[in-house]
Structures are given as structure tokens and as C-alpha cells.
Amino acid sequence: MTLIGLGALLVLTTVRRIVVGVASLVVALVLICVNPGVQKPAVESRPWSAIMLVTGIVTYVGLLEEMGALKELEAGIAGLGDNSLAALIASYVVAIVSAFASTTGTLGVISPIVTPIALDRHCPPSA
């Protein structure tokens, strides 16, 4: 049944152009209706603490981006003028964030900050 559900998901998303999230919920609902006894162990076996942690970090980063805080932090780090110093400070930011969050969450926070520094968009070359 799961393989049929995956096939249906493929058809719904590619042929019918339904959004993947909506299509997956429809397929999951059909699978639950077909065999309702299998859902309880599946839900109980999920690592909910990790799911909530990563979801919270991603939501927090989205909020910081919407407020412009990441652009300010990026501009502050890039405004140092030295790529090595900017990379060092970005590393410290990652270290501080990873002390309180997961590695996956840390990647979501630091990627928007480090990318311009790594591409040398904002920092002039060191002398």
C-alpha cells in the first residue's frame, strides 16, 4: 500500500500539479483510512523532541530574516573588512548558537550569514 501511495504521490505532484505537502497529506489520510491500526506505533516512534527543535529553529530564523536581523548581522560581520576576521567571527556565532541548538538548526541560522562572506561579496580583499 505504501508503494502505491508513493506512486499516487508522484502522479498527484507531477501530472495533477498538486503541491507536494497537500498531496502527501491526502496520501497519508488514505493510508490511515485503509489501515488505521498502523498509525499509532508510527506516530509514537517519531523523535518529536528533535522535530520540534528543528522546526523551532527554522521558524526563529525565518522571523529573524523577516525582521532584517540577519542582514544587519551579515553587514556587521562583512563590514569588518577582513575576510579572515569575518570568518572567525562567523565561526564564533556558530559556536554560540550550536551550544543551545542542534547542528541542523545551526546550519539554518548561519547559512544566510556566511554565504556572502564566502563569496567575497561584501568584504574587500585583505592587504
C-alpha atoms as a PDB file:
ATOM      1  CA  MET A   1       0.000   0.000   0.000  1.00  0.00           C
ATOM      2  CA  THR A   2       2.854   2.366   0.774  1.00  0.00           C
ATOM      3  CA  LEU A   3       4.382   1.843  -2.671  1.00  0.00           C
ATOM      4  CA  ILE A   4       1.009   2.540  -4.261  1.00  0.00           C
ATOM      5  CA  GLY A   5       0.786   5.674  -2.111  1.00  0.00           C
ATOM      6  CA  LEU A   6       4.220   6.810  -3.287  1.00  0.00           C
ATOM      7  CA  GLY A   7       3.158   6.234  -6.890  1.00  0.00           C
ATOM      8  CA  ALA A   8      -0.019   8.223  -6.274  1.00  0.00           C
ATOM      9  CA  LEU A   9       2.066  10.998  -4.713  1.00  0.00           C
ATOM     10  CA  LEU A  10       4.256  11.087  -7.815  1.00  0.00           C
ATOM     11  CA  VAL A  11       1.231  11.269 -10.110  1.00  0.00           C
ATOM     12  CA  LEU A  12      -0.529  13.893  -7.997  1.00  0.00           C
ATOM     13  CA  THR A  13       2.510  16.177  -7.912  1.00  0.00           C
ATOM     14  CA  THR A  14       3.750  15.811 -11.475  1.00  0.00           C
ATOM     15  CA  VAL A  15       0.625  15.205 -13.561  1.00  0.00           C
ATOM     16  CA  ARG A  16      -2.042  16.962 -11.500  1.00  0.00           C
ATOM     17  CA  ARG A  17       0.377  19.702 -10.287  1.00  0.00           C
ATOM     18  CA  ILE A  18      -0.815  19.461  -6.672  1.00  0.00           C
ATOM     19  CA  VAL A  19       1.517  20.908  -4.033  1.00  0.00           C
ATOM     20  CA  VAL A  20       3.702  18.174  -2.513  1.00  0.00           C
ATOM     21  CA  GLY A  21       2.613  18.905   1.058  1.00  0.00           C
ATOM     22  CA  VAL A  22      -1.085  18.718   0.211  1.00  0.00           C
ATOM     23  CA  ALA A  23      -0.628  15.599  -1.908  1.00  0.00           C
ATOM     24  CA  SER A  24       1.352  13.857   0.824  1.00  0.00           C
ATOM     25  CA  LEU A  25      -1.354  14.663   3.383  1.00  0.00           C
ATOM     26  CA  VAL A  26      -4.005  13.230   1.060  1.00  0.00           C
ATOM     27  CA  VAL A  27      -1.972  10.047   0.513  1.00  0.00           C
ATOM     28  CA  ALA A  28      -1.320   9.744   4.278  1.00  0.00           C
ATOM     29  CA  LEU A  29      -5.021  10.172   5.021  1.00  0.00           C
ATOM     30  CA  VAL A  30      -5.933   7.441   2.540  1.00  0.00           C
ATOM     31  CA  LEU A  31      -3.300   5.101   4.008  1.00  0.00           C
ATOM     32  CA  ILE A  32      -4.581   5.766   7.536  1.00  0.00           C
ATOM     33  CA  CYS A  33      -8.160   5.070   6.446  1.00  0.00           C
ATOM     34  CA  VAL A  34      -7.111   1.802   4.785  1.00  0.00           C
ATOM     35  CA  ASN A  35      -5.157   0.527   7.810  1.00  0.00           C
ATOM     36  CA  PRO A  36      -5.848   2.662  10.909  1.00  0.00           C
ATOM     37  CA  GLY A  37      -4.017   0.372  13.343  1.00  0.00           C
ATOM     38  CA  VAL A  38      -0.597   1.097  11.866  1.00  0.00           C
ATOM     39  CA  GLN A  39      -0.584   4.839  12.535  1.00  0.00           C
ATOM     40  CA  LYS A  40      -0.281   4.795  16.330  1.00  0.00           C
ATOM     41  CA  PRO A  41       3.099   2.987  16.514  1.00  0.00           C
ATOM     42  CA  ALA A  42       4.391   5.123  13.648  1.00  0.00           C
ATOM     43  CA  VAL A  43       3.486   8.374  15.405  1.00  0.00           C
ATOM     44  CA  GLU A  44       4.835   7.185  18.747  1.00  0.00           C
ATOM     45  CA  SER A  45       8.198   6.170  17.252  1.00  0.00           C
ATOM     46  CA  ARG A  46       8.969   9.656  15.840  1.00  0.00           C
ATOM     47  CA  PRO A  47      11.706  11.686  17.597  1.00  0.00           C
ATOM     48  CA  TRP A  48       9.332  14.541  18.474  1.00  0.00           C
ATOM     49  CA  SER A  49      11.875  16.478  20.530  1.00  0.00           C
ATOM     50  CA  ALA A  50      14.230  16.717  17.534  1.00  0.00           C
ATOM     51  CA  ILE A  51      11.365  17.579  15.192  1.00  0.00           C
ATOM     52  CA  MET A  52      10.203  20.376  17.496  1.00  0.00           C
ATOM     53  CA  LEU A  53      13.760  21.664  17.927  1.00  0.00           C
ATOM     54  CA  VAL A  54      14.465  21.919  14.205  1.00  0.00           C
ATOM     55  CA  THR A  55      11.007  23.346  13.490  1.00  0.00           C
ATOM     56  CA  GLY A  56      11.500  25.974  16.186  1.00  0.00           C
ATOM     57  CA  ILE A  57      14.940  26.960  14.901  1.00  0.00           C
ATOM     58  CA  VAL A  58      13.695  27.234  11.313  1.00  0.00           C
ATOM     59  CA  THR A  59      10.741  29.361  12.466  1.00  0.00           C
ATOM     60  CA  TYR A  60      13.071  31.555  14.529  1.00  0.00           C
ATOM     61  CA  VAL A  61      15.453  32.052  11.600  1.00  0.00           C
ATOM     62  CA  GLY A  62      12.504  32.921   9.351  1.00  0.00           C
ATOM     63  CA  LEU A  63      11.408  35.520  11.886  1.00  0.00           C
ATOM     64  CA  LEU A  64      14.939  36.947  12.110  1.00  0.00           C
ATOM     65  CA  GLU A  65      15.116  37.174   8.310  1.00  0.00           C
ATOM     66  CA  GLU A  66      11.723  38.860   8.133  1.00  0.00           C
ATOM     67  CA  MET A  67      12.790  41.437  10.735  1.00  0.00           C
ATOM     68  CA  GLY A  68      16.086  42.086   8.943  1.00  0.00           C
ATOM     69  CA  ALA A  69      18.256  40.948  11.847  1.00  0.00           C
ATOM     70  CA  LEU A  70      20.299  38.536   9.734  1.00  0.00           C
ATOM     71  CA  LYS A  71      21.034  41.269   7.173  1.00  0.00           C
ATOM     72  CA  GLU A  72      22.239  43.523   9.993  1.00  0.00           C
ATOM     73  CA  LEU A  73      24.444  40.775  11.411  1.00  0.00           C
ATOM     74  CA  GLU A  74      25.747  39.974   7.930  1.00  0.00           C
ATOM     75  CA  ALA A  75      26.510  43.643   7.270  1.00  0.00           C
ATOM     76  CA  GLY A  76      28.230  43.977  10.636  1.00  0.00           C
ATOM     77  CA  ILE A  77      30.458  40.959  10.059  1.00  0.00           C
ATOM     78  CA  ALA A  78      31.172  41.881   6.446  1.00  0.00           C
ATOM     79  CA  GLY A  79      31.888  45.487   7.447  1.00  0.00           C
ATOM     80  CA  LEU A  80      34.991  44.347   9.298  1.00  0.00           C
ATOM     81  CA  GLY A  81      36.859  44.470   6.001  1.00  0.00           C
ATOM     82  CA  ASP A  82      38.974  41.379   6.596  1.00  0.00           C
ATOM     83  CA  ASN A  83      37.698  38.049   5.263  1.00  0.00           C
ATOM     84  CA  SER A  84      39.664  36.049   7.833  1.00  0.00           C
ATOM     85  CA  LEU A  85      38.304  38.080  10.733  1.00  0.00           C
ATOM     86  CA  ALA A  86      34.783  37.876   9.307  1.00  0.00           C
ATOM     87  CA  ALA A  87      35.084  34.090   9.018  1.00  0.00           C
ATOM     88  CA  LEU A  88      36.420  33.884  12.586  1.00  0.00           C
ATOM     89  CA  ILE A  89      33.512  35.897  13.976  1.00  0.00           C
ATOM     90  CA  ALA A  90      31.044  33.828  11.944  1.00  0.00           C
ATOM     91  CA  SER A  91      32.628  30.720  13.488  1.00  0.00           C
ATOM     92  CA  TYR A  92      32.112  32.165  16.972  1.00  0.00           C
ATOM     93  CA  VAL A  93      28.469  32.876  16.143  1.00  0.00           C
ATOM     94  CA  VAL A  94      28.058  29.252  15.037  1.00  0.00           C
ATOM     95  CA  ALA A  95      29.752  28.016  18.221  1.00  0.00           C
ATOM     96  CA  ILE A  96      27.473  30.079  20.440  1.00  0.00           C
ATOM     97  CA  VAL A  97      24.337  29.061  18.560  1.00  0.00           C
ATOM     98  CA  SER A  98      25.309  25.373  18.495  1.00  0.00           C
ATOM     99  CA  ALA A  99      25.737  25.403  22.273  1.00  0.00           C
ATOM    100  CA  PHE A 100      21.977  25.924  22.554  1.00  0.00           C
ATOM    101  CA  ALA A 101      20.671  24.244  19.402  1.00  0.00           C
ATOM    102  CA  SER A 102      21.204  21.254  17.174  1.00  0.00           C
ATOM    103  CA  THR A 103      23.687  21.149  14.321  1.00  0.00           C
ATOM    104  CA  THR A 104      20.828  21.084  11.833  1.00  0.00           C
ATOM    105  CA  GLY A 105      19.350  24.201  13.381  1.00  0.00           C
ATOM    106  CA  THR A 106      22.747  25.884  13.403  1.00  0.00           C
ATOM    107  CA  LEU A 107      23.073  25.387   9.653  1.00  0.00           C
ATOM    108  CA  GLY A 108      19.782  27.204   9.162  1.00  0.00           C
ATOM    109  CA  VAL A 109      20.984  30.154  11.201  1.00  0.00           C
ATOM    110  CA  ILE A 110      24.493  30.504   9.832  1.00  0.00           C
ATOM    111  CA  SER A 111      23.950  29.798   6.115  1.00  0.00           C
ATOM    112  CA  PRO A 112      22.445  33.216   5.279  1.00  0.00           C
ATOM    113  CA  ILE A 113      25.254  34.949   7.163  1.00  0.00           C
ATOM    114  CA  VAL A 114      28.235  33.016   5.853  1.00  0.00           C
ATOM    115  CA  THR A 115      27.266  32.754   2.180  1.00  0.00           C
ATOM    116  CA  PRO A 116      28.040  36.390   1.230  1.00  0.00           C
ATOM    117  CA  ILE A 117      31.287  36.244   3.206  1.00  0.00           C
ATOM    118  CA  ALA A 118      32.322  33.036   1.475  1.00  0.00           C
ATOM    119  CA  LEU A 119      31.504  34.551  -1.921  1.00  0.00           C
ATOM    120  CA  ASP A 120      33.503  37.729  -1.080  1.00  0.00           C
ATOM    121  CA  ARG A 121      30.543  39.917  -1.995  1.00  0.00           C
ATOM    122  CA  HIS A 122      30.814  42.328   0.886  1.00  0.00           C
ATOM    123  CA  CYS A 123      34.355  42.042   2.159  1.00  0.00           C
ATOM    124  CA  PRO A 124      37.136  43.784   0.291  1.00  0.00           C
ATOM    125  CA  PRO A 125      40.268  41.656  -0.181  1.00  0.00           C
ATOM    126  CA  SER A 126      42.790  41.669   2.631  1.00  0.00           C
ATOM    127  CA  ALA A 127      46.020  43.564   2.080  1.00  0.00           C
END
